[in-house]
Protein backbone atom coordinates (compact mmCIF):
# COMPACT_ATOMS: atom_id res chain seq x y z
CA MET A 1 -22.75 13.12 12.36
CA THR A 2 -24.36 16.46 11.50
CA SER A 3 -21.09 17.93 10.30
CA GLN A 4 -20.43 14.79 8.20
CA ARG A 5 -23.82 14.97 6.47
CA ALA A 6 -23.31 18.68 5.84
CA MET A 7 -19.95 17.98 4.26
CA GLU A 8 -21.42 15.22 2.07
CA LYS A 9 -24.18 17.56 0.89
CA HIS A 10 -21.60 20.23 0.07
CA ARG A 11 -19.51 17.73 -1.88
CA GLY A 12 -22.50 16.34 -3.78
CA GLY A 13 -23.08 13.09 -1.94
CA SER A 14 -22.24 9.55 -2.87
CA PRO A 15 -22.85 8.17 -6.39
CA GLY A 16 -24.05 4.62 -6.95
CA ALA A 17 -27.05 2.51 -5.94
CA ALA A 18 -28.17 2.90 -2.31
CA VAL A 19 -30.59 0.40 -0.78
CA GLN A 20 -33.38 2.06 1.23
CA SER A 21 -36.25 0.60 3.23
CA ASP A 22 -38.72 0.79 0.35
CA GLY A 23 -36.51 0.48 -2.71
CA VAL A 24 -33.21 1.60 -4.25
CA LEU A 25 -32.01 5.11 -5.08
CA PHE A 26 -29.74 5.17 -8.13
CA ARG A 27 -27.44 8.20 -8.52
CA THR A 28 -24.74 8.95 -11.05
CA TRP A 29 -22.58 11.96 -11.82
CA ALA A 30 -22.64 12.57 -15.58
CA SER A 31 -21.44 16.06 -16.51
CA LYS A 32 -21.06 15.05 -20.19
CA ALA A 33 -24.65 13.78 -20.59
CA THR A 34 -27.96 15.57 -21.10
CA GLN A 35 -30.09 12.46 -20.51
CA VAL A 36 -29.33 9.30 -18.53
CA ASN A 37 -31.55 6.22 -18.42
CA LEU A 38 -31.41 3.47 -15.83
CA VAL A 39 -31.82 0.05 -17.47
CA LEU A 40 -32.80 -2.78 -15.13
CA GLN A 41 -31.58 -6.27 -15.98
CA PRO A 42 -32.36 -8.90 -17.11
CA ASP A 43 -35.66 -7.48 -18.38
CA GLY A 44 -34.16 -4.35 -19.98
CA ILE A 45 -36.69 -2.02 -18.34
CA SER A 46 -35.57 1.56 -19.09
CA ILE A 47 -36.28 4.32 -16.59
CA PRO A 48 -35.43 7.99 -17.36
CA MET A 49 -33.37 9.54 -14.58
CA GLN A 50 -34.03 13.03 -13.24
CA ALA A 51 -31.35 15.68 -13.65
CA CYS A 52 -30.30 17.16 -10.30
CA GLU A 53 -27.97 19.84 -8.98
CA GLY A 54 -24.28 19.32 -9.65
CA ASN A 55 -24.73 17.26 -12.86
CA PHE A 56 -26.17 14.32 -10.94
CA PHE A 57 -28.97 12.14 -12.27
CA GLU A 58 -31.28 10.20 -9.93
CA ALA A 59 -33.97 7.53 -10.13
CA PHE A 60 -35.75 5.85 -7.23
CA VAL A 61 -37.10 2.36 -7.95
CA PRO A 62 -39.66 1.12 -5.38
CA HIS A 63 -39.44 -2.51 -4.26
CA CYS A 64 -36.03 -2.93 -5.88
CA ARG A 65 -33.65 -4.94 -3.69
CA ALA A 66 -30.00 -5.92 -3.28
CA GLY A 67 -28.92 -8.31 -6.01
CA CYS A 68 -30.67 -6.37 -8.77
CA CYS A 69 -28.43 -5.81 -11.82
CA TYR A 70 -28.50 -2.69 -13.98
CA HIS A 71 -26.84 -0.56 -16.64
CA PHE A 72 -26.89 3.11 -17.50
CA GLN A 73 -27.54 4.56 -20.93
CA LEU A 74 -26.08 7.97 -21.81
CA ASP A 75 -27.90 10.11 -24.40
CA GLY A 76 -29.34 7.10 -26.20
CA GLY A 77 -26.02 5.32 -26.60
CA GLY A 78 -25.03 1.80 -25.64
CA LEU A 79 -25.45 0.23 -22.22
CA VAL A 80 -22.60 0.85 -19.76
CA PRO A 81 -21.95 -0.17 -16.14
CA ASP A 82 -22.11 2.25 -13.22
CA PRO A 83 -18.72 3.94 -12.58
CA ALA A 84 -19.63 3.83 -8.86
CA SER A 85 -20.90 0.25 -8.94
CA ARG A 86 -20.59 -1.58 -5.63
CA PHE A 87 -20.05 -4.93 -7.39
CA GLN A 88 -19.35 -6.22 -10.90
CA PRO A 89 -20.10 -9.96 -10.72
CA ALA A 90 -19.39 -10.47 -14.44
CA GLY A 91 -16.36 -8.18 -14.64
CA VAL A 92 -15.68 -4.63 -15.77
CA HIS A 93 -17.84 -4.83 -18.90
CA GLY A 94 -20.83 -6.57 -17.31
CA PRO A 95 -23.87 -5.14 -15.53
CA SER A 96 -23.55 -3.55 -12.11
CA GLN A 97 -25.18 -5.14 -9.07
CA VAL A 98 -26.99 -3.45 -6.20
CA VAL A 99 -25.33 -4.20 -2.83
CA ASP A 100 -26.89 -3.53 0.56
CA THR A 101 -23.90 -2.11 2.43
CA ALA A 102 -25.80 -2.21 5.74
CA SER A 103 -26.91 -5.85 5.68
CA TYR A 104 -23.67 -7.43 6.95
CA ARG A 105 -23.81 -8.18 10.70
CA TRP A 106 -20.52 -6.86 12.02
CA ARG A 107 -18.91 -8.40 15.13
CA ASP A 108 -16.24 -5.72 15.61
CA ARG A 109 -18.25 -3.14 17.55
CA ASN A 110 -15.58 -3.16 20.30
CA TRP A 111 -12.71 -2.62 17.86
CA GLN A 112 -10.61 0.37 18.95
CA GLY A 113 -8.02 0.37 16.17
CA ILE A 114 -4.21 0.35 16.42
CA ALA A 115 -2.15 3.25 17.75
CA GLN A 116 0.19 4.64 15.12
CA GLN A 117 3.31 3.95 17.16
CA ASP A 118 2.27 0.27 17.30
CA LEU A 119 1.85 -0.23 13.55
CA VAL A 120 3.81 -3.07 11.96
CA ILE A 121 2.41 -3.30 8.42
CA TYR A 122 2.28 -6.44 6.27
CA GLU A 123 1.63 -5.76 2.58
CA LEU A 124 0.00 -8.53 0.58
CA HIS A 125 -1.56 -9.24 -2.81
CA VAL A 126 -4.84 -11.08 -2.36
CA GLY A 127 -4.47 -13.13 -5.55
CA THR A 128 -1.01 -14.54 -4.77
CA PHE A 129 -0.97 -14.62 -0.96
CA SER A 130 -2.80 -17.97 -0.80
CA SER A 131 -3.44 -20.92 -3.10
CA GLN A 132 -7.12 -19.90 -3.25
CA GLY A 133 -6.21 -16.36 -4.30
CA ASN A 134 -9.20 -14.74 -2.59
CA TYR A 135 -10.39 -13.03 0.60
CA SER A 136 -11.12 -16.37 2.27
CA GLY A 137 -7.56 -17.48 1.56
CA VAL A 138 -6.23 -14.43 3.37
CA GLN A 139 -8.64 -14.99 6.25
CA GLU A 140 -7.40 -18.57 6.69
CA ARG A 141 -3.85 -17.25 7.21
CA LEU A 142 -4.71 -14.59 9.79
CA GLU A 143 -3.48 -16.83 12.60
CA HIS A 144 -0.05 -16.93 10.95
CA LEU A 145 0.00 -13.13 10.83
CA GLN A 146 -1.15 -12.86 14.44
CA GLU A 147 1.64 -15.20 15.57
CA LEU A 148 4.10 -13.22 13.47
CA GLY A 149 3.10 -10.13 15.45
CA VAL A 150 2.10 -7.73 12.67
CA THR A 151 -0.61 -5.28 13.69
CA ALA A 152 -1.93 -4.27 10.24
CA ILE A 153 -2.28 -5.90 6.86
CA GLU A 154 -2.21 -3.71 3.78
CA LEU A 155 -4.08 -5.07 0.78
CA MET A 156 -2.77 -4.12 -2.64
CA PRO A 157 -5.58 -2.54 -4.72
CA ILE A 158 -8.71 -4.69 -4.91
CA ALA A 159 -11.03 -2.40 -6.92
CA GLU A 160 -12.43 -4.09 -10.04
CA PHE A 161 -9.97 -4.45 -12.92
CA ALA A 162 -10.05 -6.18 -16.29
CA GLY A 163 -8.99 -9.80 -16.64
CA ARG A 164 -8.40 -12.65 -14.21
CA TRP A 165 -5.37 -11.26 -12.40
CA ASN A 166 -3.54 -7.97 -12.01
CA TRP A 167 -1.55 -6.04 -9.41
CA GLY A 168 -4.67 -3.87 -9.02
CA TYR A 169 -3.28 -0.55 -10.22
CA ASP A 170 -5.33 -0.94 -13.44
CA SER A 171 -8.61 -0.61 -11.53
CA VAL A 172 -11.55 1.03 -13.31
CA ALA A 173 -14.58 0.46 -11.03
CA LEU A 174 -13.16 2.02 -7.89
CA TYR A 175 -16.11 1.29 -5.58
CA ALA A 176 -16.41 -2.41 -6.47
CA PRO A 177 -14.24 -5.12 -4.86
CA PHE A 178 -12.77 -7.35 -7.57
CA HIS A 179 -15.25 -10.16 -8.24
CA GLY A 180 -12.48 -12.74 -8.67
CA TYR A 181 -11.46 -12.33 -5.01
CA GLY A 182 -14.97 -12.94 -3.64
CA THR A 183 -18.13 -11.07 -2.75
CA PRO A 184 -18.31 -7.75 -0.88
CA ASP A 185 -19.48 -9.59 2.24
CA GLU A 186 -16.52 -11.99 2.02
CA LEU A 187 -14.26 -8.92 2.11
CA ARG A 188 -16.19 -7.67 5.14
CA ALA A 189 -15.76 -11.07 6.78
CA LEU A 190 -11.99 -10.81 6.29
CA VAL A 191 -11.91 -7.37 7.94
CA ASP A 192 -14.16 -8.59 10.75
CA ALA A 193 -11.97 -11.62 11.42
CA ALA A 194 -8.81 -9.50 11.40
CA HIS A 195 -10.28 -7.07 13.92
CA GLU A 196 -11.35 -9.97 16.10
CA ILE A 197 -7.69 -10.96 16.63
CA GLY A 198 -6.33 -7.42 16.88
CA ILE A 199 -5.14 -6.79 13.31
CA ALA A 200 -6.04 -3.61 11.42
CA VAL A 201 -6.73 -3.67 7.67
CA LEU A 202 -5.44 -0.99 5.30
CA LEU A 203 -6.21 -0.71 1.60
CA ASP A 204 -4.11 0.60 -1.28
CA VAL A 205 -6.23 2.95 -3.44
CA VAL A 206 -5.44 4.61 -6.77
CA TYR A 207 -6.78 8.10 -7.51
CA ASN A 208 -4.13 9.23 -10.01
CA HIS A 209 -5.36 7.26 -13.06
CA PHE A 210 -7.76 4.58 -14.29
CA GLY A 211 -6.81 1.31 -15.96
CA PRO A 212 -6.80 1.09 -19.77
CA ASP A 213 -9.62 -1.46 -20.15
CA GLY A 214 -13.19 -0.89 -18.94
CA CYS A 215 -12.81 2.75 -17.91
CA TYR A 216 -16.42 3.88 -18.37
CA ALA A 217 -16.15 6.77 -15.89
CA THR A 218 -14.65 9.03 -18.56
CA SER A 219 -17.78 8.55 -20.72
CA PHE A 220 -19.83 10.12 -17.93
CA SER A 221 -17.71 13.09 -16.89
CA LYS A 222 -14.52 15.06 -17.34
CA PHE A 223 -12.15 13.06 -15.12
CA PHE A 224 -8.97 14.28 -16.84
CA SER A 225 -7.56 17.67 -17.76
CA ASP A 226 -4.92 18.93 -20.20
CA ASN A 227 -3.72 21.31 -17.50
CA HIS A 228 -1.59 18.58 -15.96
CA HIS A 229 0.12 15.41 -17.11
CA SER A 230 1.17 12.24 -15.36
CA PRO A 231 3.07 9.05 -16.26
CA TRP A 232 -0.27 7.69 -17.52
CA GLY A 233 -1.13 10.63 -19.81
CA GLN A 234 -3.49 13.48 -18.91
CA GLY A 235 -3.58 14.45 -15.26
CA VAL A 236 -6.64 13.80 -13.11
CA ASN A 237 -8.97 16.80 -13.17
CA LEU A 238 -8.67 18.23 -9.66
CA ASP A 239 -8.73 21.95 -10.53
CA ASP A 240 -10.38 22.42 -13.95
CA ILE A 241 -14.04 22.73 -14.97
CA HIS A 242 -16.18 20.04 -13.27
CA SER A 243 -13.29 19.21 -10.92
CA GLY A 244 -15.67 19.45 -7.95
CA GLY A 245 -17.41 16.31 -9.16
CA VAL A 246 -14.10 14.49 -9.63
CA ARG A 247 -12.95 15.39 -6.14
CA ASN A 248 -16.32 14.32 -4.75
CA PHE A 249 -16.09 10.99 -6.61
CA PHE A 250 -12.72 10.13 -5.05
CA ILE A 251 -13.49 11.43 -1.57
CA GLU A 252 -16.77 9.52 -1.46
CA ASN A 253 -14.82 6.48 -2.62
CA ALA A 254 -12.46 6.80 0.33
CA ILE A 255 -15.38 7.22 2.74
CA HIS A 256 -17.07 4.19 1.16
CA TRP A 257 -14.11 1.88 1.85
CA LEU A 258 -13.52 3.18 5.37
CA ARG A 259 -17.17 3.30 6.46
CA ASP A 260 -18.84 0.44 4.59
CA TYR A 261 -15.97 -2.04 4.97
CA HIS A 262 -14.68 -0.87 8.39
CA LEU A 263 -11.19 -0.45 6.95
CA ASP A 264 -8.62 1.23 9.17
CA GLY A 265 -6.86 3.33 6.58
CA LEU A 266 -5.81 3.90 3.00
CA ARG A 267 -2.46 3.90 1.29
CA LEU A 268 -2.71 6.59 -1.42
CA ASP A 269 -0.85 5.62 -4.58
CA ALA A 270 1.66 8.10 -6.07
CA THR A 271 0.28 11.30 -4.52
CA HIS A 272 3.06 13.29 -6.23
CA THR A 273 1.05 12.85 -9.46
CA LEU A 274 -2.13 14.37 -7.97
CA LEU A 275 -1.43 17.87 -9.31
CA ASP A 276 -3.85 20.46 -7.96
CA GLU A 277 -3.62 24.25 -8.06
CA SER A 278 -6.90 24.82 -6.20
CA SER A 279 -6.97 27.03 -3.12
CA VAL A 280 -7.54 23.87 -1.05
CA HIS A 281 -5.56 20.86 -2.28
CA PHE A 282 -7.50 17.66 -2.87
CA LEU A 283 -5.46 15.82 -0.22
CA ILE A 284 -6.40 18.41 2.40
CA GLU A 285 -10.07 18.06 1.54
CA LEU A 286 -9.70 14.28 1.72
CA SER A 287 -8.05 14.34 5.14
CA GLU A 288 -10.76 16.68 6.47
CA ALA A 289 -13.50 14.34 5.25
CA VAL A 290 -11.88 11.24 6.74
CA GLU A 291 -11.47 12.93 10.11
CA GLN A 292 -15.25 13.37 10.26
CA LEU A 293 -15.88 9.61 10.33
CA ASP A 294 -17.09 8.04 13.55
CA GLY A 295 -15.25 5.16 15.17
CA PRO A 296 -11.54 4.32 15.47
CA LYS A 297 -8.78 6.41 13.96
CA ARG A 298 -8.45 5.95 10.18
CA TYR A 299 -5.01 6.42 8.62
CA LEU A 300 -4.12 8.09 5.33
CA ILE A 301 -0.63 7.11 4.20
CA ALA A 302 0.88 8.62 1.05
CA GLU A 303 3.24 7.10 -1.44
CA ASP A 304 5.15 10.17 -2.59
CA SER A 305 8.61 10.40 -4.15
CA ARG A 306 9.21 14.09 -3.34
CA ASN A 307 10.12 13.76 0.38
CA GLN A 308 7.71 16.58 1.24
CA ALA A 309 7.25 16.73 5.02
CA ASP A 310 4.22 19.06 4.71
CA LEU A 311 2.19 16.03 3.69
CA VAL A 312 2.31 14.77 7.28
CA ARG A 313 2.28 18.10 9.09
CA PRO A 314 -1.00 19.33 10.64
CA ARG A 315 -3.21 21.65 8.62
CA ALA A 316 -2.83 24.21 11.39
CA ALA A 317 0.89 24.30 10.58
CA GLY A 318 0.29 24.61 6.84
CA GLY A 319 0.39 20.87 6.17
CA PHE A 320 -1.95 18.32 4.62
CA SER A 321 -2.63 16.33 7.82
CA LEU A 322 -1.92 12.93 6.31
CA ASP A 323 -0.84 10.36 8.85
CA GLY A 324 2.14 8.78 7.14
CA ILE A 325 4.31 8.64 4.06
CA TRP A 326 6.33 5.90 2.40
CA SER A 327 10.02 6.75 2.67
CA ASP A 328 11.92 4.92 -0.07
CA ASP A 329 15.36 6.36 0.69
CA PHE A 330 16.02 3.72 3.36
CA HIS A 331 15.19 0.88 0.97
CA HIS A 332 17.43 2.32 -1.75
CA GLN A 333 20.35 2.75 0.64
CA ILE A 334 19.98 -0.82 1.88
CA ARG A 335 19.83 -2.17 -1.69
CA ASN A 336 22.99 -0.28 -2.57
CA ILE A 337 25.03 -1.18 0.49
CA THR A 338 24.00 -4.87 0.49
CA ALA A 339 23.32 -5.80 -3.15
CA GLY A 340 25.28 -3.05 -4.91
CA ASP A 341 22.34 -1.57 -6.86
CA VAL A 342 23.37 1.56 -8.79
CA GLU A 343 21.13 1.51 -11.88
CA GLY A 344 18.31 3.99 -12.49
CA TYR A 345 17.15 5.81 -9.38
CA PHE A 346 19.54 3.76 -7.25
CA GLY A 347 22.30 5.92 -8.73
CA SER A 348 21.41 8.66 -6.25
CA PHE A 349 22.28 6.23 -3.46
CA ALA A 350 25.54 4.90 -4.86
CA ASP A 351 28.32 4.50 -2.30
CA SER A 352 25.86 4.52 0.61
CA THR A 353 27.48 4.23 4.03
CA ALA A 354 26.42 3.56 7.58
CA HIS A 355 26.60 7.31 8.19
CA GLN A 356 24.03 7.99 5.46
CA ILE A 357 21.73 5.26 6.76
CA ALA A 358 22.03 6.78 10.22
CA GLU A 359 21.08 10.21 8.85
CA ASN A 360 18.10 8.63 7.17
CA LEU A 361 16.91 6.97 10.38
CA LYS A 362 17.35 10.17 12.38
CA GLN A 363 15.37 12.24 9.85
CA GLY A 364 12.84 9.75 8.42
CA TRP A 365 14.44 10.03 4.98
CA TYR A 366 17.85 10.93 3.61
CA PHE A 367 17.22 13.61 0.98
CA ALA A 368 15.99 16.65 2.89
CA GLY A 369 16.97 19.41 0.46
CA GLN A 370 20.14 18.05 -1.15
CA VAL A 371 20.60 17.65 -4.89
CA ALA A 372 20.24 14.00 -5.88
CA ARG A 373 22.14 12.49 -8.79
CA ASP A 374 18.92 11.68 -10.65
CA SER A 375 17.27 15.11 -10.20
CA LYS A 376 18.58 18.60 -10.84
CA PRO A 377 16.57 20.63 -8.31
CA PRO A 378 17.11 19.91 -4.61
CA ARG A 379 15.01 16.98 -3.43
CA GLY A 380 13.09 16.84 -0.17
CA THR A 381 12.45 19.05 2.81
CA SER A 382 13.39 19.13 6.47
CA THR A 383 11.48 16.77 8.73
CA ALA A 384 12.06 18.82 11.87
CA GLY A 385 9.28 18.24 14.38
CA VAL A 386 7.72 15.30 12.51
CA PRO A 387 7.49 12.10 14.64
CA LEU A 388 9.53 9.28 13.14
CA ASP A 389 6.61 6.86 13.19
CA ARG A 390 5.04 8.95 10.40
CA PHE A 391 7.62 7.48 8.00
CA VAL A 392 6.99 3.99 6.60
CA ILE A 393 10.19 2.15 5.70
CA CYS A 394 10.91 -1.27 4.22
CA ILE A 395 13.59 -3.50 2.76
CA GLN A 396 11.09 -5.01 0.31
CA ASN A 397 7.68 -4.05 -1.10
CA HIS A 398 5.60 -4.92 -4.16
CA ASP A 399 7.27 -2.27 -6.35
CA GLN A 400 10.83 -3.00 -5.34
CA ILE A 401 10.42 -6.72 -5.98
CA GLY A 402 7.90 -6.77 -8.82
CA ASN A 403 9.63 -4.04 -10.81
CA ARG A 404 12.85 -6.03 -10.96
CA PRO A 405 13.24 -7.94 -14.25
CA THR A 406 12.48 -11.39 -12.79
CA GLY A 407 10.69 -10.38 -9.59
CA ALA A 408 13.64 -11.38 -7.40
CA ARG A 409 13.40 -10.73 -3.68
CA LEU A 410 16.25 -9.16 -1.71
CA HIS A 411 17.24 -12.42 -0.02
CA HIS A 412 17.67 -13.96 -3.47
CA GLU A 413 20.53 -11.53 -4.08
CA VAL A 414 22.29 -11.11 -0.71
CA SER A 415 23.64 -13.60 1.81
CA PHE A 416 21.36 -14.90 4.54
CA PRO A 417 23.55 -13.41 7.31
CA MET A 418 23.16 -10.02 5.60
CA TYR A 419 19.41 -10.55 5.20
CA ARG A 420 18.97 -11.40 8.86
CA ALA A 421 21.04 -8.38 9.91
CA ILE A 422 19.08 -5.82 7.89
CA SER A 423 15.80 -7.43 8.99
CA ALA A 424 16.84 -6.65 12.56
CA LEU A 425 17.68 -3.08 11.56
CA LEU A 426 14.28 -2.60 9.94
CA LEU A 427 12.36 -3.84 12.97
CA PHE A 428 14.52 -2.02 15.53
CA ALA A 429 14.30 1.38 13.82
CA PRO A 430 11.82 3.96 15.21
CA GLU A 431 10.07 4.40 11.84
CA THR A 432 6.98 2.32 10.99
CA PRO A 433 8.16 -0.94 9.39
CA LEU A 434 6.46 -2.53 6.38
CA LEU A 435 6.97 -6.17 5.39
CA PHE A 436 6.03 -7.70 2.06
CA MET A 437 4.30 -11.08 2.07
CA GLY A 438 6.72 -13.98 2.40
CA GLN A 439 9.52 -11.76 3.63
CA GLU A 440 9.14 -13.21 7.13
CA TRP A 441 10.26 -16.66 6.01
CA ALA A 442 12.51 -15.71 3.05
CA ALA A 443 10.07 -17.09 0.47
CA THR A 444 11.72 -18.64 -2.56
CA THR A 445 8.91 -17.58 -4.90
CA PRO A 446 9.38 -14.35 -6.87
CA PHE A 447 6.77 -11.61 -7.14
CA ARG A 448 6.49 -10.60 -10.77
CA PHE A 449 4.50 -8.04 -12.71
CA PHE A 450 1.46 -9.75 -14.21
CA THR A 451 -1.63 -8.71 -16.18
CA ASP A 452 -4.45 -10.41 -18.08
CA HIS A 453 -5.46 -7.88 -20.71
CA CYS A 454 -6.52 -8.48 -24.30
CA GLU A 455 -3.65 -9.47 -26.58
CA ASP A 456 -3.04 -6.08 -28.24
CA LEU A 457 -3.09 -4.19 -24.95
CA GLY A 458 -0.88 -6.83 -23.34
CA HIS A 459 1.83 -6.30 -25.97
CA LEU A 460 1.73 -2.55 -25.33
CA ILE A 461 2.11 -3.07 -21.57
CA THR A 462 5.10 -5.38 -22.05
CA ALA A 463 6.77 -2.83 -24.35
CA GLY A 464 5.92 0.00 -21.97
CA ARG A 465 7.61 -1.70 -19.03
CA LYS A 466 10.81 -2.16 -21.00
CA LYS A 467 10.73 1.53 -21.90
CA GLU A 468 9.97 2.60 -18.30
CA PHE A 469 12.90 0.60 -16.91
CA HIS A 470 15.33 1.14 -19.76
CA GLY A 471 17.94 2.28 -17.23
CA PHE A 472 18.02 -1.18 -15.66
CA ALA A 473 20.16 -3.67 -17.59
CA GLY A 474 17.91 -6.67 -16.93
CA PHE A 475 15.06 -5.08 -18.86
CA LEU A 476 17.15 -4.93 -22.02
CA GLY A 477 16.90 -8.71 -22.38
CA GLU A 478 14.08 -11.17 -21.90
CA VAL A 479 11.80 -10.68 -18.92
CA PRO A 480 8.83 -12.83 -17.90
CA ASP A 481 5.85 -11.96 -20.10
CA PRO A 482 3.32 -10.13 -17.87
CA GLN A 483 0.53 -11.70 -19.94
CA ALA A 484 1.66 -15.31 -19.51
CA PRO A 485 -0.43 -17.23 -16.94
CA GLU A 486 2.71 -18.79 -15.46
CA THR A 487 4.02 -15.32 -14.57
CA PHE A 488 1.06 -14.96 -12.22
CA VAL A 489 1.10 -18.57 -10.98
CA HIS A 490 4.82 -18.51 -10.15
CA SER A 491 4.23 -15.42 -7.98
CA LYS A 492 1.99 -17.31 -5.56
CA LEU A 493 3.48 -17.97 -2.13
CA ASN A 494 4.40 -21.57 -1.37
CA TRP A 495 3.26 -22.10 2.21
CA GLN A 496 4.72 -25.61 2.29
CA GLU A 497 8.15 -23.98 2.57
CA LEU A 498 7.38 -23.35 6.22
CA GLU A 499 8.10 -27.02 6.85
CA LYS A 500 11.77 -26.53 5.92
CA PRO A 501 14.39 -25.58 8.56
CA LEU A 502 15.81 -22.53 6.74
CA HIS A 503 12.40 -20.89 6.49
CA VAL A 504 11.40 -21.90 10.00
CA HIS A 505 14.54 -20.21 11.34
CA ILE A 506 13.90 -16.96 9.47
CA LEU A 507 10.27 -16.93 10.58
CA GLN A 508 11.32 -17.38 14.22
CA LEU A 509 13.73 -14.44 13.85
CA TYR A 510 10.95 -12.20 12.55
CA ARG A 511 8.58 -13.28 15.32
CA ASP A 512 11.18 -12.53 17.99
CA LEU A 513 12.19 -9.20 16.46
CA ILE A 514 8.58 -7.99 16.28
CA LYS A 515 7.92 -9.19 19.84
CA LEU A 516 11.01 -7.31 21.03
CA ARG A 517 9.93 -4.20 19.10
CA ARG A 518 6.88 -3.85 21.37
CA THR A 519 9.19 -3.27 24.35
CA LEU A 520 11.31 -0.55 22.72
CA LYS A 521 10.77 2.77 24.47
CA GLY A 522 12.78 5.82 25.40
CA PRO A 523 15.32 8.10 23.68
CA PHE A 524 16.68 7.21 20.23
CA ASP A 525 20.34 7.61 19.29
CA ILE A 526 22.77 6.29 16.65
CA GLN A 527 26.55 5.98 16.63
CA VAL A 528 28.40 5.06 13.42
CA HIS A 529 31.51 2.85 13.31
CA GLY A 530 33.21 3.24 9.96
CA ASP A 531 31.31 2.80 6.70
CA ARG A 532 29.44 -0.41 7.46
CA ALA A 533 28.60 -0.59 11.14
CA MET A 534 26.49 1.26 13.66
CA THR A 535 25.08 1.12 17.16
CA ILE A 536 21.45 2.15 17.67
CA ARG A 537 20.02 2.84 21.11
CA ARG A 538 16.33 2.97 22.00
CA GLY A 539 16.00 3.53 25.73
CA ARG A 540 17.74 0.65 27.51
CA HIS A 541 17.89 -1.48 24.37
CA GLN A 542 20.77 -1.37 21.95
CA LEU A 543 21.32 -2.87 18.50
CA ILE A 544 24.87 -3.42 17.28
CA LEU A 545 24.93 -3.89 13.51
CA SER A 546 27.69 -5.05 11.19
CA LEU A 547 27.13 -5.03 7.42
CA ALA A 548 30.54 -6.56 6.67
CA GLU A 549 32.69 -9.53 7.60
CA GLU A 550 35.45 -9.50 10.22
CA LEU A 551 34.49 -6.28 11.97
CA ASP A 552 35.17 -5.28 15.57
CA ILE A 553 32.64 -2.89 17.15
CA PRO A 554 33.03 -1.37 20.63
CA VAL A 555 30.43 -2.26 23.27
CA ALA A 556 29.72 -0.94 26.76
CA ASP A 557 30.79 -2.86 29.87
CA ASP A 558 27.16 -3.26 30.97
CA PHE A 559 25.86 -4.52 27.60
CA LYS A 560 23.86 -7.73 28.10
CA VAL A 561 23.07 -9.78 25.00
CA LEU A 562 19.39 -10.66 24.39
CA MET A 563 19.53 -12.05 20.85
CA MET A 564 21.86 -12.47 17.89
CA THR A 565 20.69 -12.87 14.31
CA GLU A 566 23.24 -15.69 13.81
CA ASP A 567 22.04 -17.63 16.86
CA VAL A 568 21.14 -21.31 16.29
CA ARG A 569 17.45 -20.39 16.65
CA TYR A 570 17.71 -18.32 13.47
CA SER A 571 20.68 -19.79 11.57
CA SER A 572 22.50 -23.07 11.06
CA ASP A 573 25.66 -21.35 9.84
CA GLY A 574 27.37 -21.14 13.24
CA HIS A 575 29.03 -17.74 12.75
CA LEU A 576 28.16 -16.15 16.08
CA PRO A 577 29.57 -12.74 17.00
CA GLN A 578 31.74 -12.90 20.12
CA LYS A 579 32.12 -10.33 22.90
CA ILE A 580 35.75 -10.02 23.89
CA GLY A 581 36.23 -7.40 26.57
CA ASN A 582 34.71 -4.17 25.28
CA VAL A 583 34.62 -5.34 21.66
CA MET A 584 32.04 -7.38 19.73
CA HIS A 585 33.69 -9.34 16.92
CA PHE A 586 31.55 -10.07 13.87
CA PRO A 587 32.82 -12.85 11.56
CA VAL A 588 29.88 -12.24 9.17
CA PRO A 589 27.22 -9.52 8.79
CA ALA A 590 24.95 -9.74 11.82
CA ALA A 591 23.00 -7.82 14.42
CA VAL A 592 23.23 -8.21 18.17
CA ILE A 593 20.52 -6.80 20.42
CA GLY A 594 20.94 -6.33 24.13
CA THR A 595 20.23 -4.10 27.10
CA LEU A 596 22.23 -1.57 29.05
CA ALA A 597 21.98 -1.16 32.80
């Protein structure tokens, strides 16, 4: 702990309101202000704060307790909430509330975490996962996730955002769990309950921009710099004047989620937009700080479009020491080969074949230095020496469903035999698989892009999405209005579907595939059979995959069938592959999994 406290002191320490035995210490980083007042609510008592080293301002209030609400006042201006507020019970524009982060009585003291090679991640949006749309709604469905076999849930961003609903990437109060999902202790209860049944909890965090409504942090300090630019405008200030305070703000935020909520890791949004020319990159400093935490292993997983293997290489080898990285190439290949997607960035994956998918699975991603159709310079780097479980792959996620014009899921656009076959491929592959909520039963509900901003801002967001996805034909016509309440409501999962045979069959397939995955050990190898078939071996287990109809694929004499994706347990179609001598005949797309002597 000594090294951790020393690091915190070097970074500047944590901003926000900290409950102590005899009162509350209020701290804020305000490099733009010369005077900051703390204003206690509801009485409006104003207390001048003391300027401290590093452009911090502090005030200790004796006898103050958790539940107290407050504002800050900068240089005599209007009242504003705390950018590092731990809770915003009235929303982004309301007063901040003091939270005692040590008062919750945790039950997970024996929690040891999940080994990386055992991760099966289930991404969900708290507001649409259950009918309640809150932390308690997720907690009530933990038994379903345990029976499914996933070992980690990944919450889409939950930091406070404007409005009643949002994907979460418009967060502005990064330390405060969204009040519409429940209280901070209800979030802790969800994590506690997940740990109790052996499920880790990861959180998606956004450090590359703030949302457009309620962003008070920029009134306090220089969070952005003209030195860099991102899709959201100015780049985050990681290497300009006062960048030390910005880096400290985000690193302390990560520590806050991992330490005070016992979270098991963070998914870092769009790290390719975190431009930093400092001698030590922000992501390296972040990984060093997280490693100092006591307790189980915490994971840092990057979303990064560049295919840069250094992100997951150790610092000793010149890397950033992150633990994982989303690898979208696999998803794009699957979309192309099954649904025919060629628009926009899918153009770089046009005419995908089984050989290219095999190269992807052997490397962790496909583009490892080649020139892609949608980018002039070579894309990606070699993954030599990087374990394959560092790469997170999927056939669906929030982006790849929600950023389609109508929020259509993959199984809405391909046949069910094809869907079952690629589901088997995903869960048999050596990379870390990620599922998106409802995928495991082929949910009929879409997942659409939704917001609840003021009317003028809402119109701008709708227009901006059409501009962003101008290369996709569906966005040229009418798309569901992100601001319409029904866009959000229609994205909620319908759990009653699990009473219907089709969905029961798909769910049983996913349960069996994940259960089988736990037994997969030993050497990994792939053989390709033409453009649309392959055989994958993991130790004694073998998957034979056909992505076309009427294909014959050679099999070994000693191959013993364990499961078929077209079996009556998973399908009512009755199109079973048949083994005839040393050939497996596939009447429809399917996967067959078996063992070799």
